[in-house]
């Protein structure tokens, strides 16, 4: 990390913290500052942006991490659906914080329901700050990851503000990653 990289091709990205979509042209110099949950937070001359995992080739990123994730996916294939859903939620990160949304305490509820043969996941989550422009992006990331679980037909993510999030909601694992304990 913190290595200078030049994008090998044009890349769609999301500005942090506004959540606005932008296009970075080929040849843009970037510095990877975080690589969690399959997304990449990079510093550019115009600020921080998030690049999705499908654009790793433009970053020249080593795909060894992908192999490890594939092995974990194979292990989870026979796990209960609920465990698979929570695993997917643990792959979602706020691009400014190196802890997943579950261990940050942002997921308030995750319910799996079945109606008319259709299995849905309904998630209630919050953000560390109500004005976070990345909120819709993080929620969409959670939704996209959950629907990748076999047997899940639909995922709904609702951003809620009650109760208000505070640092006491961070798990012990999250606090350790943040150096709080």
N, C-alpha and C. Protein backbone atom coordinates (compact mmCIF):
# COMPACT_ATOMS: atom_id res chain seq x y z
N UNK A 1 0.83 -1.18 0.00
CA UNK A 1 0.00 0.00 0.00
C UNK A 1 0.87 1.24 0.00
N UNK A 2 0.22 2.37 -0.25
CA UNK A 2 0.89 3.67 -0.37
C UNK A 2 1.97 3.64 -1.43
N UNK A 3 1.71 2.88 -2.48
CA UNK A 3 2.61 2.76 -3.61
C UNK A 3 2.03 3.56 -4.78
N UNK A 4 2.88 4.31 -5.47
CA UNK A 4 2.42 5.06 -6.64
C UNK A 4 2.11 4.09 -7.77
N UNK A 5 0.92 4.23 -8.34
CA UNK A 5 0.48 3.39 -9.45
C UNK A 5 -0.08 4.31 -10.52
N UNK A 6 0.13 3.95 -11.77
CA UNK A 6 -0.46 4.67 -12.88
C UNK A 6 -1.53 3.77 -13.49
N UNK A 7 -2.76 4.29 -13.60
CA UNK A 7 -3.85 3.49 -14.14
C UNK A 7 -3.55 3.10 -15.59
N UNK A 8 -3.73 1.83 -15.88
CA UNK A 8 -3.44 1.34 -17.23
C UNK A 8 -4.59 1.57 -18.20
N UNK A 9 -5.75 1.88 -17.68
CA UNK A 9 -6.91 2.16 -18.52
C UNK A 9 -7.87 3.07 -17.77
N UNK A 10 -8.87 3.58 -18.48
CA UNK A 10 -9.90 4.41 -17.88
C UNK A 10 -10.68 3.60 -16.84
N UNK A 11 -11.01 4.25 -15.71
CA UNK A 11 -11.70 3.57 -14.62
C UNK A 11 -12.83 4.45 -14.10
N UNK A 12 -13.99 3.84 -13.88
CA UNK A 12 -15.09 4.53 -13.20
C UNK A 12 -14.82 4.43 -11.71
N UNK A 13 -15.04 5.53 -10.98
CA UNK A 13 -14.77 5.56 -9.55
C UNK A 13 -15.84 6.39 -8.84
N UNK A 14 -15.79 6.37 -7.52
CA UNK A 14 -16.72 7.14 -6.70
C UNK A 14 -15.90 8.04 -5.80
N UNK A 15 -16.20 9.35 -5.84
CA UNK A 15 -15.48 10.30 -5.01
C UNK A 15 -15.85 10.10 -3.54
N UNK A 16 -14.86 10.28 -2.68
CA UNK A 16 -15.05 10.18 -1.23
C UNK A 16 -14.83 11.58 -0.67
N UNK A 17 -15.68 12.12 0.14
CA UNK A 17 -16.85 11.50 0.76
C UNK A 17 -18.17 11.83 0.05
N UNK A 18 -18.15 12.53 -1.07
CA UNK A 18 -19.40 12.98 -1.69
C UNK A 18 -20.25 11.86 -2.27
N UNK A 19 -19.60 10.78 -2.74
CA UNK A 19 -20.33 9.69 -3.36
C UNK A 19 -20.62 9.93 -4.83
N UNK A 20 -20.07 11.00 -5.42
CA UNK A 20 -20.28 11.30 -6.83
C UNK A 20 -19.46 10.38 -7.71
N UNK A 21 -20.03 9.99 -8.86
CA UNK A 21 -19.32 9.15 -9.82
C UNK A 21 -18.40 10.02 -10.67
N UNK A 22 -17.20 9.49 -10.92
CA UNK A 22 -16.26 10.18 -11.81
C UNK A 22 -15.55 9.13 -12.66
N UNK A 23 -14.90 9.58 -13.70
CA UNK A 23 -14.09 8.71 -14.55
C UNK A 23 -12.65 9.18 -14.46
N UNK A 24 -11.76 8.25 -14.12
CA UNK A 24 -10.33 8.54 -14.09
C UNK A 24 -9.73 8.05 -15.40
N UNK A 25 -9.08 8.92 -16.14
CA UNK A 25 -8.50 8.50 -17.42
C UNK A 25 -7.28 7.60 -17.26
N UNK A 26 -7.01 6.82 -18.29
CA UNK A 26 -5.79 6.02 -18.32
C UNK A 26 -4.61 6.95 -18.11
N UNK A 27 -3.61 6.48 -17.38
CA UNK A 27 -2.43 7.29 -17.12
C UNK A 27 -2.52 8.12 -15.85
N UNK A 28 -3.67 8.11 -15.18
CA UNK A 28 -3.82 8.87 -13.94
C UNK A 28 -2.96 8.25 -12.84
N UNK A 29 -2.11 9.05 -12.19
CA UNK A 29 -1.35 8.52 -11.06
C UNK A 29 -2.24 8.43 -9.82
N UNK A 30 -2.18 7.30 -9.11
CA UNK A 30 -2.95 7.11 -7.88
C UNK A 30 -2.06 6.46 -6.83
N UNK A 31 -2.48 6.57 -5.58
CA UNK A 31 -1.82 5.89 -4.48
C UNK A 31 -2.89 5.10 -3.75
N UNK A 32 -2.74 3.78 -3.67
CA UNK A 32 -3.71 2.94 -2.97
C UNK A 32 -3.50 3.16 -1.48
N UNK A 33 -4.58 3.58 -0.79
CA UNK A 33 -4.49 3.83 0.65
C UNK A 33 -5.20 2.76 1.46
N UNK A 34 -6.11 2.02 0.82
CA UNK A 34 -6.84 0.97 1.53
C UNK A 34 -7.36 -0.05 0.54
N UNK A 35 -7.26 -1.33 0.90
CA UNK A 35 -7.77 -2.40 0.04
C UNK A 35 -8.54 -3.38 0.91
N UNK A 36 -9.78 -3.04 1.18
CA UNK A 36 -10.61 -3.88 2.03
C UNK A 36 -11.92 -4.19 1.34
N UNK A 37 -12.40 -5.41 1.56
CA UNK A 37 -13.70 -5.78 1.02
C UNK A 37 -13.74 -5.85 -0.49
N UNK A 38 -12.57 -5.96 -1.12
CA UNK A 38 -12.55 -6.06 -2.57
C UNK A 38 -12.60 -4.73 -3.29
N UNK A 39 -12.68 -3.64 -2.54
CA UNK A 39 -12.65 -2.31 -3.17
C UNK A 39 -11.35 -1.63 -2.80
N UNK A 40 -11.01 -0.61 -3.54
CA UNK A 40 -9.73 0.08 -3.37
C UNK A 40 -9.98 1.56 -3.17
N UNK A 41 -9.48 2.10 -2.07
CA UNK A 41 -9.52 3.54 -1.86
C UNK A 41 -8.17 4.06 -2.34
N UNK A 42 -8.22 5.02 -3.26
CA UNK A 42 -6.98 5.57 -3.80
C UNK A 42 -6.98 7.09 -3.70
N UNK A 43 -5.79 7.62 -3.49
CA UNK A 43 -5.62 9.07 -3.48
C UNK A 43 -5.22 9.50 -4.89
N UNK A 44 -5.90 10.54 -5.37
CA UNK A 44 -5.58 11.13 -6.66
C UNK A 44 -5.24 12.59 -6.43
N UNK A 45 -4.85 13.29 -7.47
CA UNK A 45 -4.54 14.72 -7.32
C UNK A 45 -5.79 15.52 -6.95
N UNK A 46 -6.98 14.94 -7.19
CA UNK A 46 -8.22 15.66 -6.86
C UNK A 46 -8.93 15.06 -5.65
N UNK A 47 -8.25 14.24 -4.85
CA UNK A 47 -8.82 13.70 -3.63
C UNK A 47 -8.94 12.19 -3.64
N UNK A 48 -9.64 11.66 -2.62
CA UNK A 48 -9.83 10.22 -2.49
C UNK A 48 -10.98 9.74 -3.35
N UNK A 49 -10.80 8.55 -3.94
CA UNK A 49 -11.86 7.89 -4.70
C UNK A 49 -11.84 6.41 -4.38
N UNK A 50 -12.97 5.77 -4.63
CA UNK A 50 -13.09 4.32 -4.43
C UNK A 50 -13.22 3.66 -5.78
N UNK A 51 -12.40 2.63 -6.00
CA UNK A 51 -12.42 1.87 -7.24
C UNK A 51 -12.90 0.46 -6.92
N UNK A 52 -13.82 -0.07 -7.72
CA UNK A 52 -14.40 -1.39 -7.44
C UNK A 52 -13.44 -2.51 -7.81
N UNK A 53 -13.74 -3.68 -7.30
CA UNK A 53 -12.88 -4.84 -7.51
C UNK A 53 -12.80 -5.25 -8.98
N UNK A 54 -13.82 -4.93 -9.77
CA UNK A 54 -13.77 -5.33 -11.18
C UNK A 54 -12.74 -4.52 -11.99
N UNK A 55 -12.16 -3.52 -11.36
CA UNK A 55 -11.16 -2.71 -12.06
C UNK A 55 -9.75 -2.92 -11.52
N UNK A 56 -9.51 -4.06 -10.84
CA UNK A 56 -8.19 -4.32 -10.28
C UNK A 56 -7.11 -4.40 -11.36
N UNK A 57 -7.49 -4.84 -12.54
CA UNK A 57 -6.48 -4.93 -13.60
C UNK A 57 -5.90 -3.56 -13.94
N UNK A 58 -6.71 -2.51 -13.86
CA UNK A 58 -6.22 -1.17 -14.15
C UNK A 58 -5.22 -0.70 -13.10
N UNK A 59 -5.31 -1.27 -11.90
CA UNK A 59 -4.39 -0.93 -10.82
C UNK A 59 -3.15 -1.82 -10.83
N UNK A 60 -3.21 -2.91 -11.59
CA UNK A 60 -2.10 -3.86 -11.60
C UNK A 60 -1.97 -4.59 -10.27
N UNK A 61 -3.10 -4.77 -9.59
CA UNK A 61 -3.11 -5.40 -8.27
C UNK A 61 -2.91 -6.91 -8.40
N UNK A 62 -2.12 -7.48 -7.48
CA UNK A 62 -1.89 -8.92 -7.43
C UNK A 62 -3.20 -9.63 -7.09
N UNK A 63 -3.52 -10.66 -7.81
CA UNK A 63 -4.78 -11.35 -7.63
C UNK A 63 -4.70 -12.48 -6.59
N UNK A 64 -3.61 -12.54 -5.81
CA UNK A 64 -3.48 -13.56 -4.76
C UNK A 64 -4.61 -13.43 -3.74
N UNK A 65 -4.98 -12.19 -3.41
CA UNK A 65 -6.07 -11.96 -2.47
C UNK A 65 -7.37 -12.56 -3.00
N UNK A 66 -7.58 -12.46 -4.32
CA UNK A 66 -8.78 -13.02 -4.92
C UNK A 66 -8.80 -14.54 -4.73
N UNK A 67 -7.66 -15.18 -4.87
CA UNK A 67 -7.59 -16.63 -4.69
C UNK A 67 -7.97 -17.01 -3.26
N UNK A 68 -7.49 -16.24 -2.29
CA UNK A 68 -7.83 -16.51 -0.89
C UNK A 68 -9.32 -16.34 -0.65
N UNK A 69 -9.91 -15.33 -1.24
CA UNK A 69 -11.35 -15.11 -1.09
C UNK A 69 -12.15 -16.21 -1.75
N UNK A 70 -11.67 -16.70 -2.88
CA UNK A 70 -12.35 -17.81 -3.54
C UNK A 70 -12.33 -19.06 -2.66
N UNK A 71 -11.22 -19.30 -1.97
CA UNK A 71 -11.12 -20.45 -1.07
C UNK A 71 -12.12 -20.30 0.08
N UNK A 72 -12.26 -19.09 0.60
CA UNK A 72 -13.24 -18.84 1.67
C UNK A 72 -14.66 -19.02 1.15
N UNK A 73 -14.92 -18.59 -0.07
CA UNK A 73 -16.24 -18.77 -0.67
C UNK A 73 -16.57 -20.26 -0.82
N UNK A 74 -15.58 -21.05 -1.18
CA UNK A 74 -15.78 -22.49 -1.30
C UNK A 74 -16.13 -23.09 0.06
N UNK A 75 -15.44 -22.65 1.10
CA UNK A 75 -15.72 -23.13 2.45
C UNK A 75 -17.15 -22.78 2.87
N UNK A 76 -17.58 -21.57 2.51
CA UNK A 76 -18.90 -21.09 2.92
C UNK A 76 -20.04 -21.67 2.09
N UNK A 77 -19.72 -22.28 0.97
CA UNK A 77 -20.75 -22.77 0.06
C UNK A 77 -21.75 -23.69 0.75
N UNK A 78 -21.27 -24.52 1.68
CA UNK A 78 -22.14 -25.45 2.39
C UNK A 78 -22.58 -24.93 3.75
N UNK A 79 -22.18 -23.71 4.08
CA UNK A 79 -22.56 -23.12 5.37
C UNK A 79 -24.03 -22.68 5.31
N UNK A 80 -24.67 -22.51 6.47
CA UNK A 80 -26.04 -22.00 6.48
C UNK A 80 -26.12 -20.64 5.78
N UNK A 81 -27.26 -20.38 5.15
CA UNK A 81 -27.45 -19.14 4.40
C UNK A 81 -27.19 -17.92 5.28
N UNK A 82 -27.65 -17.96 6.51
CA UNK A 82 -27.46 -16.82 7.41
C UNK A 82 -25.97 -16.51 7.60
N UNK A 83 -25.16 -17.55 7.77
CA UNK A 83 -23.71 -17.35 7.92
C UNK A 83 -23.13 -16.75 6.65
N UNK A 84 -23.60 -17.19 5.49
CA UNK A 84 -23.12 -16.65 4.22
C UNK A 84 -23.49 -15.18 4.07
N UNK A 85 -24.69 -14.82 4.49
CA UNK A 85 -25.13 -13.42 4.41
C UNK A 85 -24.25 -12.54 5.29
N UNK A 86 -24.03 -12.96 6.54
CA UNK A 86 -23.19 -12.18 7.44
C UNK A 86 -21.76 -12.09 6.92
N UNK A 87 -21.27 -13.16 6.31
CA UNK A 87 -19.93 -13.12 5.72
C UNK A 87 -19.86 -12.04 4.63
N UNK A 88 -20.88 -11.98 3.79
CA UNK A 88 -20.90 -10.97 2.73
C UNK A 88 -20.95 -9.56 3.32
N UNK A 89 -21.73 -9.37 4.38
CA UNK A 89 -21.79 -8.05 5.01
C UNK A 89 -20.44 -7.65 5.61
N UNK A 90 -19.67 -8.64 6.05
CA UNK A 90 -18.34 -8.35 6.60
C UNK A 90 -17.33 -8.01 5.51
N UNK A 91 -17.73 -8.06 4.27
CA UNK A 91 -16.86 -7.69 3.15
C UNK A 91 -17.12 -6.25 2.70
N UNK A 92 -18.02 -5.56 3.39
CA UNK A 92 -18.39 -4.19 3.04
C UNK A 92 -17.69 -3.23 4.01
N UNK A 93 -17.03 -2.23 3.45
CA UNK A 93 -16.26 -1.28 4.26
C UNK A 93 -16.62 0.15 3.91
N UNK A 94 -16.60 0.99 4.93
CA UNK A 94 -16.60 2.43 4.71
C UNK A 94 -15.19 2.72 4.19
N UNK A 95 -15.06 3.37 3.03
CA UNK A 95 -13.71 3.54 2.46
C UNK A 95 -12.76 4.38 3.30
N UNK A 96 -13.27 5.05 4.32
CA UNK A 96 -12.38 5.86 5.17
C UNK A 96 -11.99 5.15 6.47
N UNK A 97 -12.59 3.97 6.72
CA UNK A 97 -12.35 3.28 7.98
C UNK A 97 -11.98 1.83 7.67
N UNK A 98 -10.86 1.32 8.19
CA UNK A 98 -10.42 -0.04 7.85
C UNK A 98 -11.10 -1.15 8.66
N UNK A 99 -12.40 -1.00 8.93
CA UNK A 99 -13.16 -2.02 9.65
C UNK A 99 -14.48 -2.20 8.90
N UNK A 100 -14.91 -3.47 8.76
CA UNK A 100 -16.15 -3.74 8.03
C UNK A 100 -17.37 -3.21 8.77
N UNK A 101 -18.49 -3.09 8.04
CA UNK A 101 -19.70 -2.48 8.61
C UNK A 101 -20.29 -3.29 9.76
N UNK A 102 -20.08 -4.61 9.78
CA UNK A 102 -20.59 -5.43 10.87
C UNK A 102 -19.80 -5.14 12.14
N UNK A 103 -18.48 -5.18 12.06
CA UNK A 103 -17.65 -4.94 13.24
C UNK A 103 -17.64 -3.48 13.67
N UNK A 104 -18.03 -2.57 12.76
CA UNK A 104 -18.21 -1.17 13.17
C UNK A 104 -19.51 -0.99 13.94
N UNK A 105 -20.39 -1.98 13.90
CA UNK A 105 -21.67 -1.88 14.59
C UNK A 105 -22.71 -1.12 13.79
N UNK A 106 -22.52 -1.04 12.47
CA UNK A 106 -23.44 -0.29 11.63
C UNK A 106 -24.67 -1.10 11.22
N UNK A 107 -24.58 -2.44 11.28
CA UNK A 107 -25.72 -3.28 10.90
C UNK A 107 -26.56 -3.52 12.15
N UNK A 108 -27.77 -2.95 12.17
CA UNK A 108 -28.66 -3.07 13.32
C UNK A 108 -29.54 -4.31 13.24
N UNK A 109 -29.89 -4.74 12.04
CA UNK A 109 -30.77 -5.88 11.89
C UNK A 109 -30.55 -6.51 10.53
N UNK A 110 -30.62 -7.84 10.50
CA UNK A 110 -30.50 -8.58 9.25
C UNK A 110 -31.45 -9.76 9.36
N UNK A 111 -32.55 -9.68 8.63
CA UNK A 111 -33.58 -10.72 8.71
C UNK A 111 -33.78 -11.37 7.36
N UNK A 112 -33.81 -12.69 7.37
CA UNK A 112 -34.07 -13.45 6.15
C UNK A 112 -35.52 -13.90 6.20
N UNK A 113 -36.26 -13.58 5.15
CA UNK A 113 -37.67 -13.97 5.10
C UNK A 113 -37.93 -14.73 3.81
N UNK A 114 -38.98 -15.54 3.85
CA UNK A 114 -39.36 -16.28 2.65
C UNK A 114 -40.86 -16.10 2.44
N UNK A 115 -41.20 -15.70 1.22
CA UNK A 115 -42.61 -15.49 0.88
C UNK A 115 -42.80 -15.88 -0.58
N UNK A 116 -43.80 -16.70 -0.84
CA UNK A 116 -44.10 -17.17 -2.19
C UNK A 116 -42.88 -17.80 -2.87
N UNK A 117 -42.08 -18.54 -2.08
CA UNK A 117 -40.91 -19.22 -2.63
C UNK A 117 -39.74 -18.30 -2.92
N UNK A 118 -39.82 -17.05 -2.52
CA UNK A 118 -38.77 -16.07 -2.76
C UNK A 118 -38.12 -15.70 -1.42
N UNK A 119 -36.81 -15.87 -1.34
CA UNK A 119 -36.09 -15.57 -0.11
C UNK A 119 -35.47 -14.18 -0.21
N UNK A 120 -35.79 -13.35 0.79
CA UNK A 120 -35.30 -11.97 0.83
C UNK A 120 -34.52 -11.72 2.11
N UNK A 121 -33.59 -10.79 2.02
CA UNK A 121 -32.85 -10.34 3.19
C UNK A 121 -33.17 -8.86 3.38
N UNK A 122 -33.59 -8.52 4.58
CA UNK A 122 -33.90 -7.13 4.91
C UNK A 122 -32.90 -6.66 5.95
N UNK A 123 -32.15 -5.64 5.58
CA UNK A 123 -31.07 -5.15 6.43
C UNK A 123 -31.39 -3.73 6.86
N UNK A 124 -31.23 -3.47 8.14
CA UNK A 124 -31.30 -2.12 8.67
C UNK A 124 -29.90 -1.77 9.13
N UNK A 125 -29.39 -0.68 8.59
CA UNK A 125 -28.05 -0.27 8.97
C UNK A 125 -27.99 1.25 9.07
N UNK A 126 -26.94 1.71 9.69
CA UNK A 126 -26.73 3.14 9.84
C UNK A 126 -25.35 3.48 9.32
N UNK A 127 -24.96 4.71 9.51
CA UNK A 127 -23.63 5.18 9.13
C UNK A 127 -22.99 5.84 10.34
N UNK A 128 -21.69 6.06 10.28
CA UNK A 128 -21.02 6.71 11.41
C UNK A 128 -21.42 8.17 11.52
N UNK A 129 -21.87 8.77 10.41
CA UNK A 129 -22.31 10.17 10.41
C UNK A 129 -23.47 10.31 9.43
N UNK A 130 -24.56 10.98 9.85
CA UNK A 130 -25.74 11.12 8.98
C UNK A 130 -25.45 11.80 7.64
N UNK A 131 -24.51 12.70 7.57
CA UNK A 131 -24.25 13.43 6.33
C UNK A 131 -23.28 12.75 5.39
N UNK A 132 -22.91 11.50 5.66
CA UNK A 132 -21.93 10.79 4.85
C UNK A 132 -22.43 10.61 3.43
N UNK A 133 -21.74 11.20 2.47
CA UNK A 133 -22.12 11.08 1.07
C UNK A 133 -21.93 9.68 0.52
N UNK A 134 -21.16 8.86 1.20
CA UNK A 134 -20.92 7.49 0.76
C UNK A 134 -22.02 6.54 1.20
N UNK A 135 -22.98 7.01 1.99
CA UNK A 135 -24.06 6.15 2.50
C UNK A 135 -24.74 5.32 1.44
N UNK A 136 -25.24 5.95 0.36
CA UNK A 136 -25.90 5.16 -0.67
C UNK A 136 -24.95 4.16 -1.35
N UNK A 137 -23.69 4.50 -1.46
CA UNK A 137 -22.71 3.59 -2.08
C UNK A 137 -22.47 2.39 -1.17
N UNK A 138 -22.31 2.64 0.13
CA UNK A 138 -22.09 1.55 1.09
C UNK A 138 -23.32 0.65 1.14
N UNK A 139 -24.51 1.24 1.17
CA UNK A 139 -25.75 0.45 1.20
C UNK A 139 -25.87 -0.39 -0.08
N UNK A 140 -25.56 0.20 -1.22
CA UNK A 140 -25.63 -0.54 -2.49
C UNK A 140 -24.61 -1.67 -2.51
N UNK A 141 -23.44 -1.45 -1.94
CA UNK A 141 -22.41 -2.48 -1.87
C UNK A 141 -22.92 -3.65 -1.01
N UNK A 142 -23.53 -3.33 0.14
CA UNK A 142 -24.08 -4.39 1.00
C UNK A 142 -25.16 -5.18 0.26
N UNK A 143 -26.04 -4.48 -0.42
CA UNK A 143 -27.11 -5.14 -1.16
C UNK A 143 -26.54 -6.04 -2.25
N UNK A 144 -25.59 -5.53 -3.02
CA UNK A 144 -24.99 -6.30 -4.11
C UNK A 144 -24.29 -7.55 -3.60
N UNK A 145 -23.62 -7.45 -2.47
CA UNK A 145 -22.90 -8.60 -1.93
C UNK A 145 -23.87 -9.67 -1.41
N UNK A 146 -24.93 -9.25 -0.75
CA UNK A 146 -25.87 -10.21 -0.17
C UNK A 146 -26.59 -11.00 -1.25
N UNK A 147 -26.94 -10.37 -2.36
CA UNK A 147 -27.67 -11.10 -3.41
C UNK A 147 -26.77 -12.10 -4.14
N UNK A 148 -25.47 -12.09 -3.86
CA UNK A 148 -24.59 -13.10 -4.47
C UNK A 148 -24.70 -14.44 -3.76
N UNK A 149 -25.33 -14.47 -2.59
CA UNK A 149 -25.49 -15.72 -1.84
C UNK A 149 -26.53 -16.59 -2.55
N UNK A 150 -26.16 -17.84 -2.83
CA UNK A 150 -27.10 -18.78 -3.46
C UNK A 150 -28.34 -18.90 -2.59
N UNK A 151 -29.50 -18.82 -3.22
CA UNK A 151 -30.76 -18.96 -2.50
C UNK A 151 -31.36 -17.65 -2.05
N UNK A 152 -30.61 -16.55 -2.20
CA UNK A 152 -31.15 -15.23 -1.87
C UNK A 152 -31.60 -14.58 -3.17
N UNK A 153 -32.87 -14.23 -3.22
CA UNK A 153 -33.44 -13.63 -4.42
C UNK A 153 -33.42 -12.11 -4.41
N UNK A 154 -33.41 -11.54 -3.21
CA UNK A 154 -33.53 -10.09 -3.11
C UNK A 154 -32.92 -9.62 -1.80
N UNK A 155 -32.34 -8.45 -1.82
CA UNK A 155 -31.83 -7.84 -0.59
C UNK A 155 -32.29 -6.38 -0.56
N UNK A 156 -32.74 -5.97 0.58
CA UNK A 156 -33.18 -4.59 0.79
C UNK A 156 -32.38 -4.00 1.93
N UNK A 157 -31.78 -2.85 1.69
CA UNK A 157 -31.00 -2.19 2.72
C UNK A 157 -31.67 -0.86 3.04
N UNK A 158 -32.01 -0.69 4.30
CA UNK A 158 -32.63 0.54 4.76
C UNK A 158 -31.65 1.26 5.68
N UNK A 159 -31.35 2.53 5.36
CA UNK A 159 -30.51 3.34 6.23
C UNK A 159 -31.40 3.94 7.31
N UNK A 160 -31.03 3.70 8.57
CA UNK A 160 -31.80 4.21 9.70
C UNK A 160 -30.88 5.04 10.60
N UNK A 161 -31.47 5.90 11.40
CA UNK A 161 -30.67 6.81 12.23
C UNK A 161 -30.99 6.68 13.71
N UNK A 162 -31.86 5.71 14.05
CA UNK A 162 -32.24 5.51 15.43
C UNK A 162 -32.04 4.05 15.80
N UNK A 163 -31.21 3.74 16.75
CA UNK A 163 -30.46 4.67 17.59
C UNK A 163 -29.26 5.25 16.83
N UNK A 164 -28.83 6.40 17.29
CA UNK A 164 -27.66 7.03 16.67
C UNK A 164 -26.43 6.17 16.94
N UNK A 165 -25.59 6.00 15.93
CA UNK A 165 -24.38 5.20 16.08
C UNK A 165 -23.40 5.92 17.00
N UNK A 166 -22.66 5.13 17.79
CA UNK A 166 -21.56 5.69 18.58
C UNK A 166 -20.47 4.63 18.68
N UNK A 167 -19.31 5.02 19.13
CA UNK A 167 -18.15 4.13 19.15
C UNK A 167 -18.32 2.91 20.06
N UNK A 168 -19.25 2.97 20.99
CA UNK A 168 -19.50 1.81 21.86
C UNK A 168 -20.07 0.64 21.07
N UNK A 169 -20.59 0.89 19.87
CA UNK A 169 -21.20 -0.15 19.04
C UNK A 169 -20.16 -0.96 18.28
N UNK A 170 -18.92 -0.51 18.26
CA UNK A 170 -17.85 -1.22 17.56
C UNK A 170 -17.53 -2.50 18.33
N UNK A 171 -17.41 -3.62 17.60
CA UNK A 171 -17.08 -4.90 18.24
C UNK A 171 -15.65 -4.86 18.80
N UNK A 172 -15.34 -5.84 19.63
CA UNK A 172 -13.98 -5.93 20.17
C UNK A 172 -12.97 -6.09 19.03
N UNK A 173 -13.32 -6.93 18.05
CA UNK A 173 -12.44 -7.11 16.88
C UNK A 173 -12.21 -5.79 16.16
N UNK A 174 -13.28 -5.03 15.97
CA UNK A 174 -13.16 -3.73 15.31
C UNK A 174 -12.32 -2.76 16.11
N UNK A 175 -12.50 -2.75 17.42
CA UNK A 175 -11.72 -1.86 18.27
C UNK A 175 -10.24 -2.22 18.22
N UNK A 176 -9.95 -3.52 18.15
CA UNK A 176 -8.55 -3.95 18.05
C UNK A 176 -7.94 -3.47 16.73
N UNK A 177 -8.69 -3.59 15.63
CA UNK A 177 -8.18 -3.13 14.33
C UNK A 177 -7.94 -1.63 14.32
N UNK A 178 -8.76 -0.90 15.07
CA UNK A 178 -8.63 0.56 15.13
C UNK A 178 -7.65 1.03 16.20
N UNK A 179 -7.08 0.08 16.94
CA UNK A 179 -6.12 0.45 17.98
C UNK A 179 -6.78 1.08 19.21
N UNK A 180 -8.07 0.78 19.41
CA UNK A 180 -8.80 1.36 20.54
C UNK A 180 -8.63 0.53 21.80
N UNK A 181 -8.17 -0.72 21.66
CA UNK A 181 -7.88 -1.56 22.84
C UNK A 181 -6.62 -2.35 22.57
